[in-house]
Amino acid sequence: MPPAQVLSVDELVERALVLAEAGPRQLLGIAGAPGAGKSTLAELIVAEVGPTARLVPMDGFHLAQSQLVRLGRAERKGAADTFDANGYVSMLRRLRRLEPASVYAPEFRRELEEPVAGAIEVQPSVRLVVTEGNYLLLHDDPWWEIPPLLHETWFLDLDAEIRHRRLTARHEAFGRSPEQAREWALGSDEANAALITPTAERADLVVRLPDPPAA
């Protein structure tokens, strides 16, 4: 992995504000391993930028549970092939084009463990779209099409021990036993992290937060 820069949330917000002013609409991608804090950072940035920013996470493109069961992938939920990657790429293309009407994106609802179609509205007035997810920098088809659609990409790095604690707590919060939560965090999640970490070389910025917010 390339050396990480240690930057505060405030410094990253300032960088996002500069990006938002660079054109009619800018797309910022935040990648990283499971539990790195991508969604928390993305939410903070969008909140600070204000109503001209919108968050469109990659997680909305999870395949439905019924499809994962049909495909035999339910036990690997969160792996790259459990997402509608082509649908995500198409959505980014639409957002990059700055269409004259609102674009509606899906949202993953953790309380349901399912994506909900059309839950996120991106109005034409939105000038900064922040998208975050594990696989934004993956080399595989069709994920490789994503970086050219983004004006800037960040890779958020975090110590593995902290990530494991966060992931275990997250899985417990959504109904898994402590044993199941730890098994998932150190099994499926860590296998995905091993795939994702080398993709940091494609990022415009590899960053570590000095005081990572709770995720």
N, C-alpha and C. Protein backbone atom coordinates (compact mmCIF):
# COMPACT_ATOMS: atom_id res chain seq x y z
N MET A 1 0.84 -1.20 0.00
CA MET A 1 0.00 0.00 0.00
C MET A 1 0.88 1.25 0.00
N PRO A 2 0.53 2.28 -0.79
CA PRO A 2 1.29 3.54 -0.76
C PRO A 2 1.23 4.17 0.64
N PRO A 3 2.23 4.98 1.00
CA PRO A 3 2.20 5.63 2.31
C PRO A 3 0.93 6.46 2.48
N ALA A 4 0.36 6.38 3.68
CA ALA A 4 -0.87 7.14 3.97
C ALA A 4 -0.53 8.51 4.53
N GLN A 5 -1.31 9.50 4.15
CA GLN A 5 -1.23 10.82 4.75
C GLN A 5 -2.17 10.87 5.95
N VAL A 6 -1.70 11.44 7.03
CA VAL A 6 -2.55 11.62 8.22
C VAL A 6 -3.22 12.98 8.11
N LEU A 7 -4.53 12.95 7.90
CA LEU A 7 -5.31 14.18 7.72
C LEU A 7 -6.53 14.13 8.63
N SER A 8 -6.90 15.27 9.17
CA SER A 8 -8.08 15.34 10.02
C SER A 8 -9.34 15.37 9.17
N VAL A 9 -10.48 15.13 9.81
CA VAL A 9 -11.75 15.24 9.10
C VAL A 9 -11.93 16.65 8.56
N ASP A 10 -11.55 17.66 9.34
CA ASP A 10 -11.68 19.04 8.87
C ASP A 10 -10.87 19.28 7.60
N GLU A 11 -9.66 18.73 7.54
CA GLU A 11 -8.83 18.89 6.35
C GLU A 11 -9.46 18.20 5.15
N LEU A 12 -10.07 17.04 5.38
CA LEU A 12 -10.72 16.33 4.29
C LEU A 12 -11.98 17.04 3.83
N VAL A 13 -12.71 17.63 4.77
CA VAL A 13 -13.88 18.43 4.40
C VAL A 13 -13.46 19.61 3.53
N GLU A 14 -12.38 20.26 3.89
CA GLU A 14 -11.88 21.39 3.10
C GLU A 14 -11.50 20.93 1.70
N ARG A 15 -10.87 19.77 1.60
CA ARG A 15 -10.51 19.24 0.28
C ARG A 15 -11.76 18.94 -0.53
N ALA A 16 -12.79 18.42 0.12
CA ALA A 16 -14.05 18.13 -0.58
C ALA A 16 -14.73 19.42 -1.04
N LEU A 17 -14.66 20.46 -0.23
CA LEU A 17 -15.25 21.75 -0.62
C LEU A 17 -14.56 22.33 -1.84
N VAL A 18 -13.24 22.23 -1.88
CA VAL A 18 -12.49 22.70 -3.05
C VAL A 18 -12.90 21.90 -4.28
N LEU A 19 -13.04 20.58 -4.11
CA LEU A 19 -13.46 19.73 -5.23
C LEU A 19 -14.85 20.13 -5.71
N ALA A 20 -15.76 20.39 -4.79
CA ALA A 20 -17.14 20.73 -5.15
C ALA A 20 -17.21 22.01 -5.98
N GLU A 21 -16.24 22.88 -5.82
CA GLU A 21 -16.23 24.15 -6.53
C GLU A 21 -15.52 24.06 -7.88
N ALA A 22 -15.02 22.87 -8.22
CA ALA A 22 -14.18 22.72 -9.42
C ALA A 22 -14.97 22.54 -10.70
N GLY A 23 -16.27 22.31 -10.62
CA GLY A 23 -17.03 22.10 -11.84
C GLY A 23 -18.52 22.03 -11.56
N PRO A 24 -19.31 21.80 -12.60
CA PRO A 24 -20.76 21.76 -12.42
C PRO A 24 -21.22 20.64 -11.50
N ARG A 25 -20.57 19.48 -11.55
CA ARG A 25 -20.80 18.40 -10.58
C ARG A 25 -19.55 17.55 -10.51
N GLN A 26 -19.14 17.27 -9.28
CA GLN A 26 -17.95 16.45 -9.04
C GLN A 26 -18.34 15.19 -8.28
N LEU A 27 -17.68 14.09 -8.61
CA LEU A 27 -17.91 12.81 -7.94
C LEU A 27 -16.67 12.45 -7.14
N LEU A 28 -16.87 12.25 -5.84
CA LEU A 28 -15.80 11.86 -4.92
C LEU A 28 -16.06 10.44 -4.45
N GLY A 29 -15.09 9.56 -4.61
CA GLY A 29 -15.20 8.19 -4.15
C GLY A 29 -14.32 7.93 -2.95
N ILE A 30 -14.86 7.22 -1.96
CA ILE A 30 -14.10 6.84 -0.77
C ILE A 30 -14.12 5.32 -0.67
N ALA A 31 -12.95 4.70 -0.82
CA ALA A 31 -12.81 3.25 -0.78
C ALA A 31 -12.08 2.85 0.50
N GLY A 32 -12.06 1.54 0.74
CA GLY A 32 -11.37 1.03 1.91
C GLY A 32 -11.91 -0.32 2.30
N ALA A 33 -11.23 -1.00 3.20
CA ALA A 33 -11.64 -2.32 3.64
C ALA A 33 -12.89 -2.24 4.52
N PRO A 34 -13.60 -3.35 4.71
CA PRO A 34 -14.76 -3.35 5.61
C PRO A 34 -14.37 -2.87 7.01
N GLY A 35 -15.18 -1.97 7.55
CA GLY A 35 -14.93 -1.46 8.90
C GLY A 35 -13.95 -0.31 8.98
N ALA A 36 -13.46 0.20 7.85
CA ALA A 36 -12.47 1.28 7.88
C ALA A 36 -13.08 2.62 8.28
N GLY A 37 -14.40 2.75 8.18
CA GLY A 37 -15.05 4.01 8.54
C GLY A 37 -15.46 4.85 7.35
N LYS A 38 -15.58 4.21 6.19
CA LYS A 38 -15.91 4.93 4.95
C LYS A 38 -17.25 5.65 5.04
N SER A 39 -18.27 4.92 5.49
CA SER A 39 -19.62 5.52 5.52
C SER A 39 -19.68 6.67 6.51
N THR A 40 -19.02 6.52 7.66
CA THR A 40 -19.03 7.60 8.66
C THR A 40 -18.34 8.85 8.11
N LEU A 41 -17.18 8.67 7.48
CA LEU A 41 -16.47 9.81 6.90
C LEU A 41 -17.31 10.45 5.80
N ALA A 42 -17.90 9.64 4.93
CA ALA A 42 -18.71 10.18 3.84
C ALA A 42 -19.89 10.98 4.37
N GLU A 43 -20.55 10.46 5.41
CA GLU A 43 -21.68 11.17 6.01
C GLU A 43 -21.25 12.51 6.60
N LEU A 44 -20.08 12.52 7.26
CA LEU A 44 -19.57 13.77 7.84
C LEU A 44 -19.29 14.80 6.77
N ILE A 45 -18.69 14.38 5.67
CA ILE A 45 -18.35 15.30 4.59
C ILE A 45 -19.62 15.88 3.96
N VAL A 46 -20.59 15.03 3.68
CA VAL A 46 -21.83 15.50 3.08
C VAL A 46 -22.55 16.47 4.01
N ALA A 47 -22.55 16.17 5.31
CA ALA A 47 -23.19 17.06 6.28
C ALA A 47 -22.52 18.42 6.32
N GLU A 48 -21.20 18.43 6.24
CA GLU A 48 -20.45 19.69 6.30
C GLU A 48 -20.59 20.49 5.01
N VAL A 49 -20.59 19.84 3.88
CA VAL A 49 -20.75 20.55 2.60
C VAL A 49 -22.14 21.13 2.48
N GLY A 50 -23.14 20.39 2.97
CA GLY A 50 -24.50 20.94 2.99
C GLY A 50 -25.39 20.42 1.87
N PRO A 51 -26.47 21.14 1.57
CA PRO A 51 -27.50 20.64 0.65
C PRO A 51 -27.04 20.47 -0.80
N THR A 52 -25.90 21.01 -1.16
CA THR A 52 -25.41 20.81 -2.53
C THR A 52 -24.60 19.52 -2.66
N ALA A 53 -24.55 18.72 -1.59
CA ALA A 53 -23.85 17.43 -1.61
C ALA A 53 -24.85 16.32 -1.32
N ARG A 54 -24.59 15.15 -1.88
CA ARG A 54 -25.45 13.99 -1.65
C ARG A 54 -24.59 12.74 -1.57
N LEU A 55 -24.98 11.83 -0.66
CA LEU A 55 -24.27 10.57 -0.48
C LEU A 55 -25.01 9.47 -1.23
N VAL A 56 -24.28 8.76 -2.09
CA VAL A 56 -24.84 7.63 -2.85
C VAL A 56 -23.92 6.43 -2.64
N PRO A 57 -24.15 5.64 -1.59
CA PRO A 57 -23.23 4.53 -1.28
C PRO A 57 -23.33 3.38 -2.28
N MET A 58 -22.23 2.68 -2.44
CA MET A 58 -22.20 1.48 -3.26
C MET A 58 -23.10 0.39 -2.70
N ASP A 59 -23.30 0.36 -1.38
CA ASP A 59 -24.05 -0.71 -0.74
C ASP A 59 -25.49 -0.82 -1.23
N GLY A 60 -26.03 0.25 -1.79
CA GLY A 60 -27.38 0.18 -2.34
C GLY A 60 -27.50 -0.82 -3.48
N PHE A 61 -26.36 -1.22 -4.03
CA PHE A 61 -26.36 -2.14 -5.17
C PHE A 61 -26.10 -3.58 -4.75
N HIS A 62 -26.25 -3.88 -3.45
CA HIS A 62 -26.30 -5.27 -3.00
C HIS A 62 -27.37 -6.03 -3.78
N LEU A 63 -27.09 -7.25 -4.16
CA LEU A 63 -28.15 -8.10 -4.69
C LEU A 63 -29.12 -8.46 -3.56
N ALA A 64 -30.39 -8.60 -3.89
CA ALA A 64 -31.39 -8.98 -2.91
C ALA A 64 -31.05 -10.35 -2.32
N GLN A 65 -31.48 -10.57 -1.08
CA GLN A 65 -31.18 -11.83 -0.41
C GLN A 65 -31.69 -13.03 -1.21
N SER A 66 -32.86 -12.89 -1.82
CA SER A 66 -33.41 -14.00 -2.61
C SER A 66 -32.48 -14.36 -3.77
N GLN A 67 -31.85 -13.35 -4.37
CA GLN A 67 -30.92 -13.62 -5.47
C GLN A 67 -29.63 -14.26 -4.96
N LEU A 68 -29.17 -13.81 -3.80
CA LEU A 68 -27.95 -14.40 -3.22
C LEU A 68 -28.17 -15.87 -2.90
N VAL A 69 -29.36 -16.19 -2.38
CA VAL A 69 -29.68 -17.60 -2.09
C VAL A 69 -29.73 -18.40 -3.39
N ARG A 70 -30.39 -17.84 -4.40
CA ARG A 70 -30.50 -18.54 -5.69
C ARG A 70 -29.13 -18.81 -6.29
N LEU A 71 -28.22 -17.84 -6.15
CA LEU A 71 -26.89 -17.96 -6.74
C LEU A 71 -25.90 -18.72 -5.86
N GLY A 72 -26.33 -19.07 -4.64
CA GLY A 72 -25.43 -19.76 -3.72
C GLY A 72 -24.37 -18.86 -3.12
N ARG A 73 -24.68 -17.58 -2.97
CA ARG A 73 -23.69 -16.62 -2.46
C ARG A 73 -24.09 -15.99 -1.13
N ALA A 74 -25.16 -16.47 -0.51
CA ALA A 74 -25.67 -15.84 0.71
C ALA A 74 -24.64 -15.83 1.84
N GLU A 75 -23.82 -16.87 1.91
CA GLU A 75 -22.81 -16.95 2.98
C GLU A 75 -21.59 -16.07 2.70
N ARG A 76 -21.57 -15.45 1.53
CA ARG A 76 -20.46 -14.55 1.18
C ARG A 76 -20.98 -13.13 0.96
N LYS A 77 -22.12 -12.80 1.54
CA LYS A 77 -22.70 -11.48 1.33
C LYS A 77 -21.69 -10.39 1.68
N GLY A 78 -21.49 -9.46 0.76
CA GLY A 78 -20.47 -8.43 0.93
C GLY A 78 -19.28 -8.62 0.01
N ALA A 79 -19.15 -9.83 -0.57
CA ALA A 79 -18.09 -10.07 -1.56
C ALA A 79 -18.41 -9.32 -2.85
N ALA A 80 -17.42 -9.14 -3.69
CA ALA A 80 -17.59 -8.32 -4.89
C ALA A 80 -18.69 -8.85 -5.80
N ASP A 81 -18.84 -10.17 -5.87
CA ASP A 81 -19.84 -10.73 -6.79
C ASP A 81 -21.23 -10.82 -6.17
N THR A 82 -21.43 -10.18 -5.02
CA THR A 82 -22.77 -10.11 -4.43
C THR A 82 -23.39 -8.72 -4.63
N PHE A 83 -22.81 -7.95 -5.54
CA PHE A 83 -23.31 -6.62 -5.90
C PHE A 83 -23.68 -6.58 -7.38
N ASP A 84 -24.60 -5.69 -7.70
CA ASP A 84 -24.92 -5.39 -9.10
C ASP A 84 -23.92 -4.33 -9.57
N ALA A 85 -22.72 -4.78 -9.89
CA ALA A 85 -21.64 -3.86 -10.24
C ALA A 85 -21.96 -3.08 -11.51
N ASN A 86 -22.56 -3.73 -12.50
CA ASN A 86 -22.92 -3.03 -13.73
C ASN A 86 -23.95 -1.94 -13.48
N GLY A 87 -24.91 -2.23 -12.59
CA GLY A 87 -25.90 -1.22 -12.23
C GLY A 87 -25.26 -0.02 -11.55
N TYR A 88 -24.28 -0.28 -10.69
CA TYR A 88 -23.57 0.80 -10.00
C TYR A 88 -22.79 1.66 -10.99
N VAL A 89 -22.10 1.03 -11.92
CA VAL A 89 -21.36 1.77 -12.94
C VAL A 89 -22.31 2.65 -13.75
N SER A 90 -23.46 2.09 -14.14
CA SER A 90 -24.44 2.85 -14.92
C SER A 90 -24.95 4.06 -14.13
N MET A 91 -25.18 3.86 -12.83
CA MET A 91 -25.63 4.97 -12.00
C MET A 91 -24.58 6.08 -11.94
N LEU A 92 -23.32 5.71 -11.79
CA LEU A 92 -22.26 6.72 -11.75
C LEU A 92 -22.17 7.48 -13.07
N ARG A 93 -22.38 6.79 -14.18
CA ARG A 93 -22.38 7.47 -15.47
C ARG A 93 -23.50 8.51 -15.53
N ARG A 94 -24.67 8.15 -15.05
CA ARG A 94 -25.80 9.09 -15.05
C ARG A 94 -25.50 10.30 -14.16
N LEU A 95 -24.92 10.04 -13.00
CA LEU A 95 -24.61 11.14 -12.08
C LEU A 95 -23.52 12.05 -12.67
N ARG A 96 -22.59 11.46 -13.37
CA ARG A 96 -21.51 12.25 -13.98
C ARG A 96 -22.06 13.12 -15.11
N ARG A 97 -23.08 12.64 -15.82
CA ARG A 97 -23.64 13.40 -16.94
C ARG A 97 -24.40 14.64 -16.48
N LEU A 98 -24.79 14.72 -15.22
CA LEU A 98 -25.58 15.83 -14.70
C LEU A 98 -26.87 15.98 -15.51
N GLU A 99 -27.74 14.97 -15.38
CA GLU A 99 -29.00 14.96 -16.12
C GLU A 99 -29.92 16.08 -15.63
N PRO A 100 -30.82 16.57 -16.50
CA PRO A 100 -31.68 17.71 -16.15
C PRO A 100 -32.77 17.36 -15.13
N ALA A 101 -33.02 16.07 -14.89
CA ALA A 101 -33.99 15.63 -13.89
C ALA A 101 -33.28 14.88 -12.76
N SER A 102 -33.99 14.70 -11.66
CA SER A 102 -33.42 13.96 -10.54
C SER A 102 -33.07 12.54 -10.93
N VAL A 103 -31.99 12.04 -10.34
CA VAL A 103 -31.60 10.63 -10.47
C VAL A 103 -31.90 9.97 -9.12
N TYR A 104 -32.53 8.81 -9.16
CA TYR A 104 -32.89 8.10 -7.93
C TYR A 104 -32.01 6.86 -7.79
N ALA A 105 -31.36 6.76 -6.64
CA ALA A 105 -30.43 5.67 -6.37
C ALA A 105 -30.97 4.77 -5.27
N PRO A 106 -30.58 3.49 -5.26
CA PRO A 106 -31.01 2.59 -4.19
C PRO A 106 -30.21 2.82 -2.91
N GLU A 107 -30.78 2.37 -1.81
CA GLU A 107 -30.13 2.49 -0.50
C GLU A 107 -30.21 1.15 0.22
N PHE A 108 -29.11 0.73 0.83
CA PHE A 108 -29.12 -0.52 1.60
C PHE A 108 -29.59 -0.22 3.01
N ARG A 109 -30.63 -0.92 3.45
CA ARG A 109 -31.19 -0.75 4.79
C ARG A 109 -30.72 -1.90 5.67
N ARG A 110 -29.85 -1.60 6.62
CA ARG A 110 -29.28 -2.65 7.45
C ARG A 110 -30.33 -3.33 8.33
N GLU A 111 -31.37 -2.56 8.72
CA GLU A 111 -32.41 -3.19 9.54
C GLU A 111 -33.19 -4.24 8.76
N LEU A 112 -33.17 -4.13 7.43
CA LEU A 112 -33.83 -5.10 6.57
C LEU A 112 -32.84 -6.09 5.97
N GLU A 113 -31.57 -5.70 5.93
CA GLU A 113 -30.53 -6.44 5.22
C GLU A 113 -30.88 -6.60 3.75
N GLU A 114 -31.50 -5.54 3.19
CA GLU A 114 -31.93 -5.54 1.80
C GLU A 114 -31.75 -4.14 1.21
N PRO A 115 -31.53 -4.05 -0.11
CA PRO A 115 -31.53 -2.74 -0.77
C PRO A 115 -32.97 -2.28 -1.03
N VAL A 116 -33.16 -0.97 -1.01
CA VAL A 116 -34.47 -0.37 -1.29
C VAL A 116 -34.30 0.55 -2.50
N ALA A 117 -35.02 0.24 -3.57
CA ALA A 117 -34.86 1.00 -4.82
C ALA A 117 -35.37 2.43 -4.67
N GLY A 118 -34.70 3.36 -5.37
CA GLY A 118 -35.18 4.73 -5.48
C GLY A 118 -35.24 5.50 -4.18
N ALA A 119 -34.47 5.10 -3.17
CA ALA A 119 -34.56 5.73 -1.85
C ALA A 119 -33.76 7.02 -1.74
N ILE A 120 -32.80 7.25 -2.64
CA ILE A 120 -31.94 8.43 -2.57
C ILE A 120 -32.17 9.28 -3.81
N GLU A 121 -32.60 10.53 -3.60
CA GLU A 121 -32.80 11.44 -4.73
C GLU A 121 -31.57 12.34 -4.88
N VAL A 122 -31.05 12.39 -6.08
CA VAL A 122 -29.95 13.32 -6.40
C VAL A 122 -30.51 14.34 -7.39
N GLN A 123 -30.79 15.52 -6.88
CA GLN A 123 -31.38 16.57 -7.71
C GLN A 123 -30.32 17.21 -8.60
N PRO A 124 -30.74 17.84 -9.69
CA PRO A 124 -29.78 18.50 -10.59
C PRO A 124 -28.93 19.57 -9.88
N SER A 125 -29.44 20.11 -8.78
CA SER A 125 -28.70 21.15 -8.05
C SER A 125 -27.53 20.60 -7.24
N VAL A 126 -27.43 19.28 -7.09
CA VAL A 126 -26.33 18.68 -6.32
C VAL A 126 -25.02 18.85 -7.08
N ARG A 127 -24.04 19.42 -6.41
CA ARG A 127 -22.76 19.71 -7.04
C ARG A 127 -21.65 18.77 -6.61
N LEU A 128 -21.85 18.05 -5.51
CA LEU A 128 -20.86 17.06 -5.06
C LEU A 128 -21.59 15.78 -4.70
N VAL A 129 -21.28 14.71 -5.42
CA VAL A 129 -21.80 13.38 -5.08
C VAL A 129 -20.66 12.61 -4.42
N VAL A 130 -20.90 12.15 -3.20
CA VAL A 130 -19.93 11.32 -2.49
C VAL A 130 -20.43 9.88 -2.53
N THR A 131 -19.60 9.00 -3.04
CA THR A 131 -19.94 7.58 -3.06
C THR A 131 -18.86 6.82 -2.32
N GLU A 132 -19.26 5.82 -1.56
CA GLU A 132 -18.27 5.06 -0.79
C GLU A 132 -18.58 3.58 -0.87
N GLY A 133 -17.52 2.77 -0.79
CA GLY A 133 -17.70 1.33 -0.84
C GLY A 133 -16.38 0.60 -0.90
N ASN A 134 -16.45 -0.69 -0.75
CA ASN A 134 -15.24 -1.50 -0.70
C ASN A 134 -14.49 -1.57 -2.03
N TYR A 135 -15.24 -1.62 -3.14
CA TYR A 135 -14.66 -2.09 -4.39
C TYR A 135 -14.49 -1.02 -5.46
N LEU A 136 -14.46 0.24 -5.07
CA LEU A 136 -14.38 1.33 -6.04
C LEU A 136 -13.11 1.28 -6.87
N LEU A 137 -12.06 0.64 -6.35
CA LEU A 137 -10.76 0.65 -7.03
C LEU A 137 -10.34 -0.74 -7.50
N LEU A 138 -11.28 -1.67 -7.49
CA LEU A 138 -10.97 -3.03 -7.89
C LEU A 138 -10.62 -3.09 -9.38
N HIS A 139 -9.67 -3.96 -9.73
CA HIS A 139 -9.23 -4.08 -11.12
C HIS A 139 -10.17 -4.92 -11.97
N ASP A 140 -11.00 -5.73 -11.36
CA ASP A 140 -11.83 -6.69 -12.09
C ASP A 140 -12.94 -5.99 -12.87
N ASP A 141 -13.41 -6.69 -13.91
CA ASP A 141 -14.52 -6.22 -14.72
C ASP A 141 -15.84 -6.41 -13.95
N PRO A 142 -16.76 -5.42 -13.89
CA PRO A 142 -16.69 -4.10 -14.52
C PRO A 142 -16.22 -3.01 -13.56
N TRP A 143 -15.69 -3.41 -12.39
CA TRP A 143 -15.30 -2.42 -11.38
C TRP A 143 -14.23 -1.46 -11.90
N TRP A 144 -13.38 -1.94 -12.81
CA TRP A 144 -12.30 -1.09 -13.32
C TRP A 144 -12.83 0.16 -14.02
N GLU A 145 -14.11 0.15 -14.42
CA GLU A 145 -14.70 1.31 -15.09
C GLU A 145 -15.01 2.45 -14.13
N ILE A 146 -14.96 2.20 -12.83
CA ILE A 146 -15.39 3.21 -11.86
C ILE A 146 -14.40 4.37 -11.71
N PRO A 147 -13.09 4.13 -11.48
CA PRO A 147 -12.19 5.27 -11.24
C PRO A 147 -12.25 6.38 -12.29
N PRO A 148 -12.33 6.06 -13.61
CA PRO A 148 -12.42 7.15 -14.58
C PRO A 148 -13.71 7.98 -14.47
N LEU A 149 -14.73 7.43 -13.80
CA LEU A 149 -15.98 8.18 -13.64
C LEU A 149 -15.94 9.10 -12.42
N LEU A 150 -14.96 8.92 -11.57
CA LEU A 150 -14.83 9.72 -10.35
C LEU A 150 -13.78 10.81 -10.56
N HIS A 151 -14.07 12.00 -10.06
CA HIS A 151 -13.11 13.09 -10.20
C HIS A 151 -11.96 12.96 -9.20
N GLU A 152 -12.23 12.30 -8.07
CA GLU A 152 -11.18 12.06 -7.08
C GLU A 152 -11.56 10.84 -6.26
N THR A 153 -10.55 10.02 -5.91
CA THR A 153 -10.79 8.85 -5.08
C THR A 153 -9.84 8.85 -3.89
N TRP A 154 -10.40 8.53 -2.74
CA TRP A 154 -9.63 8.40 -1.51
C TRP A 154 -9.70 6.96 -1.04
N PHE A 155 -8.61 6.48 -0.45
CA PHE A 155 -8.60 5.17 0.20
C PHE A 155 -8.38 5.40 1.68
N LEU A 156 -9.35 4.99 2.49
CA LEU A 156 -9.28 5.20 3.94
C LEU A 156 -8.66 3.98 4.60
N ASP A 157 -7.53 4.19 5.27
CA ASP A 157 -6.79 3.10 5.91
C ASP A 157 -7.03 3.14 7.42
N LEU A 158 -7.05 1.95 8.03
CA LEU A 158 -7.26 1.84 9.47
C LEU A 158 -6.62 0.54 9.95
N ASP A 159 -6.06 0.56 11.16
CA ASP A 159 -5.45 -0.65 11.72
C ASP A 159 -6.44 -1.80 11.73
N ALA A 160 -5.95 -2.98 11.38
CA ALA A 160 -6.81 -4.16 11.27
C ALA A 160 -7.49 -4.49 12.60
N GLU A 161 -6.79 -4.33 13.70
CA GLU A 161 -7.38 -4.66 15.00
C GLU A 161 -8.62 -3.81 15.29
N ILE A 162 -8.54 -2.52 14.97
CA ILE A 162 -9.69 -1.64 15.19
C ILE A 162 -10.82 -2.03 14.24
N ARG A 163 -10.49 -2.34 12.99
CA ARG A 163 -11.52 -2.75 12.03
C ARG A 163 -12.24 -4.00 12.51
N HIS A 164 -11.48 -4.97 13.02
CA HIS A 164 -12.08 -6.21 13.48
C HIS A 164 -13.05 -5.95 14.63
N ARG A 165 -12.65 -5.09 15.57
CA ARG A 165 -13.54 -4.77 16.70
C ARG A 165 -14.82 -4.11 16.21
N ARG A 166 -14.68 -3.17 15.28
CA ARG A 166 -15.85 -2.48 14.74
C ARG A 166 -16.79 -3.46 14.03
N LEU A 167 -16.21 -4.32 13.21
CA LEU A 167 -17.03 -5.25 12.44
C LEU A 167 -17.74 -6.24 13.34
N THR A 168 -17.04 -6.74 14.35
CA THR A 168 -17.66 -7.67 15.29
C THR A 168 -18.83 -7.01 16.00
N ALA A 169 -18.62 -5.78 16.47
CA ALA A 169 -19.71 -5.06 17.15
C ALA A 169 -20.87 -4.80 16.20
N ARG A 170 -20.58 -4.48 14.94
CA ARG A 170 -21.65 -4.22 13.95
C ARG A 170 -22.47 -5.47 13.72
N HIS A 171 -21.80 -6.61 13.54
CA HIS A 171 -22.53 -7.85 13.29
C HIS A 171 -23.39 -8.25 14.49
N GLU A 172 -22.87 -8.02 15.69
CA GLU A 172 -23.66 -8.31 16.89
C GLU A 172 -24.89 -7.40 16.95
N ALA A 173 -24.70 -6.14 16.60
CA ALA A 173 -25.82 -5.17 16.66
C ALA A 173 -26.94 -5.56 15.71
N PHE A 174 -26.61 -6.29 14.66
CA PHE A 174 -27.63 -6.69 13.69
C PHE A 174 -28.01 -8.17 13.81
N GLY A 175 -27.83 -8.72 15.04
CA GLY A 175 -28.45 -9.98 15.36
C GLY A 175 -27.59 -11.22 15.42
N ARG A 176 -26.30 -11.11 15.09
CA ARG A 176 -25.46 -12.30 15.17
C ARG A 176 -24.97 -12.50 16.61
N SER A 177 -24.74 -13.74 16.98
CA SER A 177 -24.16 -14.02 18.29
C SER A 177 -22.71 -13.53 18.31
N PRO A 178 -22.11 -13.34 19.50
CA PRO A 178 -20.70 -12.91 19.54
C PRO A 178 -19.78 -13.85 18.75
N GLU A 179 -20.05 -15.15 18.82
CA GLU A 179 -19.21 -16.11 18.09
C GLU A 179 -19.40 -15.97 16.58
N GLN A 180 -20.65 -15.85 16.15
CA GLN A 180 -20.93 -15.68 14.72
C GLN A 180 -20.35 -14.37 14.21
N ALA A 181 -20.47 -13.30 15.03
CA ALA A 181 -19.97 -11.99 14.62
C ALA A 181 -18.46 -12.01 14.42
N ARG A 182 -17.76 -12.64 15.36
CA ARG A 182 -16.30 -12.71 15.24
C ARG A 182 -15.90 -13.58 14.05
N GLU A 183 -16.62 -14.68 13.84
CA GLU A 183 -16.31 -15.56 12.72
C GLU A 183 -16.49 -14.83 11.39
N TRP A 184 -17.55 -14.03 11.27
CA TRP A 184 -17.80 -13.29 10.03
C TRP A 184 -16.74 -12.21 9.83
N ALA A 185 -16.40 -11.49 10.91
CA ALA A 185 -15.42 -10.40 10.81
C ALA A 185 -14.04 -10.92 10.41
N LEU A 186 -13.65 -12.06 10.94
CA LEU A 186 -12.32 -12.60 10.67
C LEU A 186 -12.32 -13.54 9.46
N GLY A 187 -13.50 -13.88 8.97
CA GLY A 187 -13.61 -14.78 7.83
C GLY A 187 -13.95 -14.04 6.55
N SER A 188 -15.23 -13.90 6.27
CA SER A 188 -15.67 -13.26 5.03
C SER A 188 -15.17 -11.83 4.91
N ASP A 189 -15.32 -11.04 5.98
CA ASP A 189 -14.89 -9.64 5.92
C ASP A 189 -13.39 -9.52 5.67
N GLU A 190 -12.61 -10.38 6.32
CA GLU A 190 -11.16 -10.28 6.19
C GLU A 190 -10.69 -10.76 4.81
N ALA A 191 -11.39 -11.74 4.25
CA ALA A 191 -11.09 -12.17 2.88
C ALA A 191 -11.33 -11.02 1.91
N ASN A 192 -12.41 -10.28 2.12
CA ASN A 192 -12.68 -9.11 1.27
C ASN A 192 -11.62 -8.03 1.48
N ALA A 193 -11.19 -7.83 2.73
CA ALA A 193 -10.15 -6.83 3.01
C ALA A 193 -8.85 -7.16 2.30
N ALA A 194 -8.49 -8.45 2.23
CA ALA A 194 -7.26 -8.86 1.55
C ALA A 194 -7.32 -8.54 0.06
N LEU A 195 -8.52 -8.59 -0.51
CA LEU A 195 -8.70 -8.24 -1.93
C LEU A 195 -8.65 -6.74 -2.14
N ILE A 196 -9.18 -6.00 -1.18
CA ILE A 196 -9.35 -4.55 -1.32
C ILE A 196 -8.06 -3.77 -1.05
N THR A 197 -7.29 -4.18 -0.05
CA THR A 197 -6.13 -3.39 0.39
C THR A 197 -5.15 -3.07 -0.75
N PRO A 198 -4.80 -4.02 -1.62
CA PRO A 198 -3.86 -3.68 -2.70
C PRO A 198 -4.40 -2.64 -3.69
N THR A 199 -5.73 -2.42 -3.72
CA THR A 199 -6.28 -1.46 -4.67
C THR A 199 -5.99 -0.01 -4.27
N ALA A 200 -5.43 0.19 -3.07
CA ALA A 200 -5.10 1.55 -2.62
C ALA A 200 -4.15 2.25 -3.59
N GLU A 201 -3.36 1.47 -4.35
CA GLU A 201 -2.41 2.07 -5.28
C GLU A 201 -3.09 2.88 -6.37
N ARG A 202 -4.39 2.64 -6.59
CA ARG A 202 -5.11 3.37 -7.64
C ARG A 202 -5.74 4.66 -7.11
N ALA A 203 -5.69 4.89 -5.81
CA ALA A 203 -6.35 6.06 -5.22
C ALA A 203 -5.54 7.33 -5.45
N ASP A 204 -6.25 8.46 -5.50
CA ASP A 204 -5.56 9.75 -5.56
C ASP A 204 -4.97 10.12 -4.22
N LEU A 205 -5.58 9.60 -3.14
CA LEU A 205 -5.14 9.92 -1.79
C LEU A 205 -5.37 8.72 -0.90
N VAL A 206 -4.31 8.27 -0.20
CA VAL A 206 -4.45 7.27 0.85
C VAL A 206 -4.35 8.02 2.18
N VAL A 207 -5.36 7.87 3.01
CA VAL A 207 -5.46 8.72 4.18
C VAL A 207 -5.73 7.90 5.44
N ARG A 208 -5.15 8.37 6.54
CA ARG A 208 -5.48 7.86 7.88
C ARG A 208 -5.95 9.04 8.71
N LEU A 209 -6.97 8.81 9.51
CA LEU A 209 -7.45 9.85 10.40
C LEU A 209 -6.72 9.76 11.72
N PRO A 210 -6.27 10.90 12.29
CA PRO A 210 -5.56 10.85 13.57
C PRO A 210 -6.45 10.38 14.72
N ASP A 211 -7.73 10.73 14.65
CA ASP A 211 -8.72 10.30 15.66
C ASP A 211 -9.93 9.77 14.95
N PRO A 212 -9.88 8.50 14.50
CA PRO A 212 -10.99 7.96 13.72
C PRO A 212 -12.31 8.02 14.48
N PRO A 213 -13.37 8.58 13.89
CA PRO A 213 -14.67 8.59 14.55
C PRO A 213 -15.21 7.18 14.68
N ALA A 214 -16.09 6.97 15.65
CA ALA A 214 -16.71 5.66 15.80
C ALA A 214 -17.50 5.34 14.55
N ALA A 215 -17.44 4.09 14.12
CA ALA A 215 -18.13 3.69 12.89
C ALA A 215 -19.26 2.73 13.21
